[in-house]
Amino acid sequence: MKVMGLKKNDLTMLWGIVKMNLFDRYMGLGLGLFWAVINPLLLLGIYTFCFGFVFKAKIPGADTTLSYTVWFLSGFIPYLAISDGLLNCTSAVERYANLVKNVVFRLEYLPIAGTLVAAVPFGVGVVFLWILLLLDGNYPTWHAILLMPVIFLEFAFLAGVGFFLSATNVFIRDVSQAITTITMLIVFGTPIFFPLKILPKVVQKIEFFNPFYQIVQPYRDILVNHIVPDWKGMLYLICLIIMVDWAGIKYFKRLKGYFAAAL
């Protein structure tokens, strides 16, 4: 049995590494996986309180302040997965140095598993967003079925980037430090806090080629605007993912033979 080219044994191994990542990240804490739920809820709750009740921010055409919060979070929650996924996968190989040196397995699983760990806070965020949508009277339409392929594309892109980051970080440890700054640049360089249309026309055209914008915007189109995402943007994203994943795997395979000596 195969799923997307992976045999059942491959999927079992990948799932085992994902569980190991979750265990290492949360089980050393007193409340364990509880923090995987409470941390994103606290963060999203703070943003909801600030924008919805303190600043009472609104977006044009919206009748309630909660509408801005929903609009903002529909872009910010995918960004949380981007930020968390990139941070996790960057240190994926370095973090399991003993495993890399002593166990024979497909090392490509490490950055993929590091990326998938971000699905936990992301899932919590999506549930939180659905609740806010219902409270705001913004009920789901048939467009919601398009959410799954969009989620798949996001994590496929992160995995491709993760191959580059995790392999490079083995030899240049500054990468894991730089990624925090990079994720900050992503959030302010992508229309997450502000709508694209307030930017100058030339910047809007440039933003089209920002893969993170093409990841975030479909969530808003589907959940908030109830429209089909722009097909040109989705086609660009799919082509980019194919190239990034292909190049990332090639890059990772070329360097993985040197991992044990460098760790």
Protein backbone atom coordinates (compact mmCIF):
# COMPACT_ATOMS: atom_id res chain seq x y z
CA MET A 1 0.00 0.00 0.00
CA LYS A 2 1.36 3.42 -0.95
CA VAL A 3 0.24 6.97 -0.16
CA MET A 4 1.78 9.62 -2.42
CA GLY A 5 4.73 7.35 -3.18
CA LEU A 6 5.30 6.36 0.44
CA LYS A 7 4.95 2.74 1.45
CA LYS A 8 3.09 1.76 4.60
CA ASN A 9 6.38 1.14 6.42
CA ASP A 10 7.57 4.62 5.40
CA LEU A 11 4.42 6.19 6.81
CA THR A 12 4.85 4.21 10.05
CA MET A 13 8.44 5.40 10.39
CA LEU A 14 7.48 9.01 9.62
CA TRP A 15 4.64 8.92 12.15
CA GLY A 16 7.05 7.48 14.73
CA ILE A 17 9.45 10.38 14.23
CA VAL A 18 6.58 12.89 14.45
CA LYS A 19 5.54 11.35 17.79
CA MET A 20 9.16 11.49 18.96
CA ASN A 21 9.28 15.19 18.10
CA LEU A 22 6.06 15.82 20.01
CA PHE A 23 7.31 13.83 22.99
CA ASP A 24 10.63 15.72 23.10
CA ARG A 25 8.89 19.06 22.73
CA TYR A 26 6.07 18.66 25.24
CA MET A 27 6.46 15.60 27.45
CA GLY A 28 9.35 17.08 29.42
CA LEU A 29 6.91 19.70 30.69
CA GLY A 30 4.65 19.13 33.66
CA LEU A 31 1.45 19.47 31.66
CA GLY A 32 2.77 17.75 28.53
CA LEU A 33 0.67 18.15 25.39
CA PHE A 34 -1.63 20.53 27.26
CA TRP A 35 0.85 23.29 26.31
CA ALA A 36 0.42 22.41 22.64
CA VAL A 37 -3.19 23.53 23.04
CA ILE A 38 -2.98 26.29 25.62
CA ASN A 39 -0.07 28.23 24.07
CA PRO A 40 -1.75 28.98 20.70
CA LEU A 41 -5.08 29.56 22.46
CA LEU A 42 -3.51 32.15 24.76
CA LEU A 43 -1.79 33.90 21.86
CA LEU A 44 -4.92 33.97 19.71
CA GLY A 45 -7.04 34.99 22.69
CA ILE A 46 -4.76 37.97 23.34
CA TYR A 47 -4.98 39.09 19.71
CA THR A 48 -8.75 38.71 19.77
CA PHE A 49 -9.05 40.77 22.94
CA CYS A 50 -6.69 43.51 21.71
CA PHE A 51 -8.11 43.94 18.21
CA GLY A 52 -11.73 43.11 19.00
CA PHE A 53 -12.26 44.84 22.35
CA VAL A 54 -9.40 47.27 23.02
CA PHE A 55 -8.54 48.82 19.64
CA LYS A 56 -11.91 47.87 18.11
CA ALA A 57 -10.29 47.68 14.71
CA LYS A 58 -12.52 47.37 11.66
CA ILE A 59 -12.05 46.55 8.02
CA PRO A 60 -13.94 48.39 5.25
CA GLY A 61 -17.39 46.94 4.69
CA ALA A 62 -17.47 45.08 8.01
CA ASP A 63 -20.16 45.82 10.56
CA THR A 64 -18.42 44.42 13.64
CA THR A 65 -14.98 44.78 15.22
CA LEU A 66 -14.84 41.00 15.47
CA SER A 67 -14.77 40.89 11.67
CA TYR A 68 -11.28 42.40 11.64
CA THR A 69 -10.10 39.87 14.20
CA VAL A 70 -11.46 37.03 12.08
CA TRP A 71 -9.89 38.53 8.96
CA PHE A 72 -6.55 38.98 10.69
CA LEU A 73 -6.48 35.52 12.29
CA SER A 74 -7.39 33.84 9.00
CA GLY A 75 -4.00 35.02 7.78
CA PHE A 76 -2.09 34.86 11.05
CA ILE A 77 -2.92 31.22 11.87
CA PRO A 78 -1.37 29.93 8.62
CA TYR A 79 1.63 32.12 9.47
CA LEU A 80 1.89 30.40 12.86
CA ALA A 81 2.30 27.10 11.01
CA ILE A 82 4.92 28.71 8.76
CA SER A 83 6.87 30.11 11.70
CA ASP A 84 6.62 27.00 13.86
CA GLY A 85 7.30 24.66 10.94
CA LEU A 86 10.42 26.50 9.80
CA LEU A 87 11.80 26.68 13.34
CA ASN A 88 11.19 22.97 13.93
CA CYS A 89 12.59 21.67 10.67
CA THR A 90 15.71 23.87 10.76
CA SER A 91 17.08 22.05 13.83
CA ALA A 92 15.54 18.67 12.90
CA VAL A 93 18.80 16.92 11.98
CA GLU A 94 20.98 18.61 14.58
CA ARG A 95 18.47 17.85 17.35
CA TYR A 96 18.65 14.12 16.67
CA ALA A 97 22.39 13.84 16.15
CA ASN A 98 22.62 10.56 18.08
CA LEU A 99 19.90 9.04 15.94
CA VAL A 100 21.62 10.19 12.74
CA LYS A 101 24.93 8.67 13.83
CA ASN A 102 23.68 5.36 15.21
CA VAL A 103 20.47 4.37 13.41
CA VAL A 104 20.06 3.59 9.71
CA PHE A 105 16.88 5.16 8.33
CA ARG A 106 15.81 7.72 5.72
CA LEU A 107 17.09 10.99 7.14
CA GLU A 108 14.63 12.86 4.91
CA TYR A 109 11.97 12.00 7.49
CA LEU A 110 13.52 14.37 10.03
CA PRO A 111 12.73 17.73 8.37
CA ILE A 112 9.34 16.42 7.20
CA ALA A 113 8.45 15.37 10.75
CA GLY A 114 9.71 18.69 12.10
CA THR A 115 7.36 20.46 9.73
CA LEU A 116 4.37 18.27 10.61
CA VAL A 117 4.74 19.02 14.33
CA ALA A 118 3.53 22.53 13.49
CA ALA A 119 0.18 20.97 12.56
CA VAL A 120 -0.70 20.69 16.27
CA PRO A 121 -0.84 24.43 17.16
CA PHE A 122 -2.12 25.11 13.63
CA GLY A 123 -5.06 22.74 14.20
CA VAL A 124 -5.85 24.41 17.51
CA GLY A 125 -5.79 27.78 15.76
CA VAL A 126 -8.14 26.63 13.00
CA VAL A 127 -10.69 25.36 15.54
CA PHE A 128 -10.44 28.70 17.40
CA LEU A 129 -10.97 30.57 14.12
CA TRP A 130 -14.04 28.50 13.23
CA ILE A 131 -15.57 29.41 16.60
CA LEU A 132 -14.95 33.12 15.98
CA LEU A 133 -16.42 32.83 12.47
CA LEU A 134 -19.61 31.35 13.89
CA LEU A 135 -19.78 34.00 16.63
CA ASP A 136 -19.40 36.69 13.96
CA GLY A 137 -22.22 35.17 11.91
CA ASN A 138 -19.83 34.25 9.10
CA TYR A 139 -21.03 30.71 8.45
CA PRO A 140 -19.11 28.25 6.26
CA THR A 141 -20.06 27.63 2.65
CA TRP A 142 -19.15 24.86 0.21
CA HIS A 143 -15.82 26.62 -0.31
CA ALA A 144 -14.66 25.08 2.98
CA ILE A 145 -13.92 21.82 1.14
CA LEU A 146 -11.07 23.64 -0.60
CA LEU A 147 -9.30 24.10 2.73
CA MET A 148 -7.68 20.65 2.78
CA PRO A 149 -5.71 21.04 -0.48
CA VAL A 150 -4.62 24.51 0.66
CA ILE A 151 -3.34 23.07 3.95
CA PHE A 152 -1.55 20.30 2.06
CA LEU A 153 0.15 22.84 -0.22
CA GLU A 154 1.30 24.91 2.75
CA PHE A 155 2.96 21.98 4.51
CA ALA A 156 4.40 20.66 1.23
CA PHE A 157 6.09 24.02 0.70
CA LEU A 158 7.39 24.12 4.28
CA ALA A 159 8.81 20.61 3.94
CA GLY A 160 10.66 21.61 0.76
CA VAL A 161 12.19 24.65 2.44
CA GLY A 162 12.89 22.46 5.48
CA PHE A 163 15.21 20.22 3.45
CA PHE A 164 17.40 23.22 2.66
CA LEU A 165 17.34 24.66 6.18
CA SER A 166 17.91 21.44 8.11
CA ALA A 167 20.80 20.31 5.89
CA THR A 168 22.50 23.71 5.94
CA ASN A 169 22.08 24.07 9.70
CA VAL A 170 24.22 20.95 10.27
CA PHE A 171 27.23 22.83 8.88
CA ILE A 172 26.27 26.45 9.60
CA ARG A 173 24.65 26.57 13.02
CA ASP A 174 23.77 30.26 12.64
CA VAL A 175 20.87 29.23 10.41
CA SER A 176 18.79 28.20 13.45
CA GLN A 177 19.40 31.63 14.97
CA ALA A 178 18.72 33.53 11.77
CA ILE A 179 15.40 31.78 11.14
CA THR A 180 13.75 33.70 14.00
CA THR A 181 14.58 36.98 12.27
CA ILE A 182 13.50 35.58 8.93
CA THR A 183 10.07 34.58 10.24
CA MET A 184 9.67 38.11 11.63
CA LEU A 185 10.44 39.53 8.19
CA ILE A 186 7.88 37.16 6.69
CA VAL A 187 5.06 38.33 8.95
CA PHE A 188 5.69 42.01 8.24
CA GLY A 189 6.56 41.51 4.58
CA THR A 190 3.34 39.62 3.90
CA PRO A 191 -0.14 41.23 4.00
CA ILE A 192 -1.23 39.63 7.28
CA PHE A 193 -1.88 42.64 9.50
CA PHE A 194 -3.00 44.80 6.59
CA PRO A 195 -4.89 44.24 3.30
CA LEU A 196 -2.94 44.01 0.08
CA LYS A 197 -4.90 46.79 -1.58
CA ILE A 198 -3.46 49.51 0.69
CA LEU A 199 -0.02 48.91 -0.81
CA PRO A 200 1.18 50.77 -3.94
CA LYS A 201 0.25 49.05 -7.20
CA VAL A 202 3.84 48.12 -7.98
CA VAL A 203 4.26 46.50 -4.56
CA GLN A 204 1.02 44.58 -5.05
CA LYS A 205 2.42 43.11 -8.26
CA ILE A 206 5.65 42.14 -6.49
CA GLU A 207 3.69 40.62 -3.61
CA PHE A 208 2.08 38.19 -6.04
CA PHE A 209 5.40 36.35 -6.16
CA ASN A 210 5.67 36.14 -2.38
CA PRO A 211 4.93 32.45 -1.70
CA PHE A 212 3.81 33.23 1.82
CA TYR A 213 1.17 35.61 0.51
CA GLN A 214 -0.04 32.89 -1.86
CA ILE A 215 -0.27 30.55 1.14
CA VAL A 216 -2.11 32.97 3.43
CA GLN A 217 -4.57 34.55 1.00
CA PRO A 218 -6.45 31.33 0.06
CA TYR A 219 -7.41 30.87 3.72
CA ARG A 220 -9.04 34.30 3.70
CA ASP A 221 -10.69 33.68 0.36
CA ILE A 222 -12.19 30.39 1.57
CA LEU A 223 -13.08 31.16 5.18
CA VAL A 224 -13.87 34.87 5.18
CA ASN A 225 -14.75 35.88 1.63
CA HIS A 226 -16.28 32.53 0.57
CA ILE A 227 -14.73 32.59 -2.87
CA VAL A 228 -12.48 30.26 -4.84
CA PRO A 229 -8.81 31.30 -4.45
CA ASP A 230 -7.19 33.02 -7.41
CA TRP A 231 -6.20 30.26 -9.83
CA LYS A 232 -3.15 32.16 -11.08
CA GLY A 233 -1.78 32.43 -7.56
CA MET A 234 -2.50 28.78 -6.82
CA LEU A 235 -0.86 27.66 -10.07
CA TYR A 236 2.22 29.73 -9.26
CA LEU A 237 2.33 28.22 -5.76
CA ILE A 238 2.00 24.65 -7.05
CA CYS A 239 4.79 25.15 -9.59
CA LEU A 240 6.98 26.72 -6.91
CA ILE A 241 6.33 23.83 -4.50
CA ILE A 242 7.30 21.27 -7.13
CA MET A 243 10.57 23.09 -7.80
CA VAL A 244 11.39 23.75 -4.13
CA ASP A 245 10.61 20.18 -3.05
CA TRP A 246 12.60 18.66 -5.91
CA ALA A 247 15.61 20.93 -5.34
CA GLY A 248 15.35 20.57 -1.55
CA ILE A 249 15.42 16.77 -1.66
CA LYS A 250 18.35 16.78 -4.09
CA TYR A 251 20.25 19.21 -1.86
CA PHE A 252 19.50 17.21 1.28
CA LYS A 253 20.54 13.89 -0.30
CA ARG A 254 23.80 15.38 -1.53
CA LEU A 255 24.78 16.55 1.97
CA LYS A 256 23.35 13.85 4.22
CA GLY A 257 26.39 11.61 3.79
CA TYR A 258 28.43 14.23 5.68
CA PHE A 259 25.96 14.74 8.54
CA ALA A 260 27.45 12.19 10.94
CA ALA A 261 30.94 13.70 10.66
CA ALA A 262 29.66 17.25 11.12
CA LEU A 263 27.40 16.60 14.12
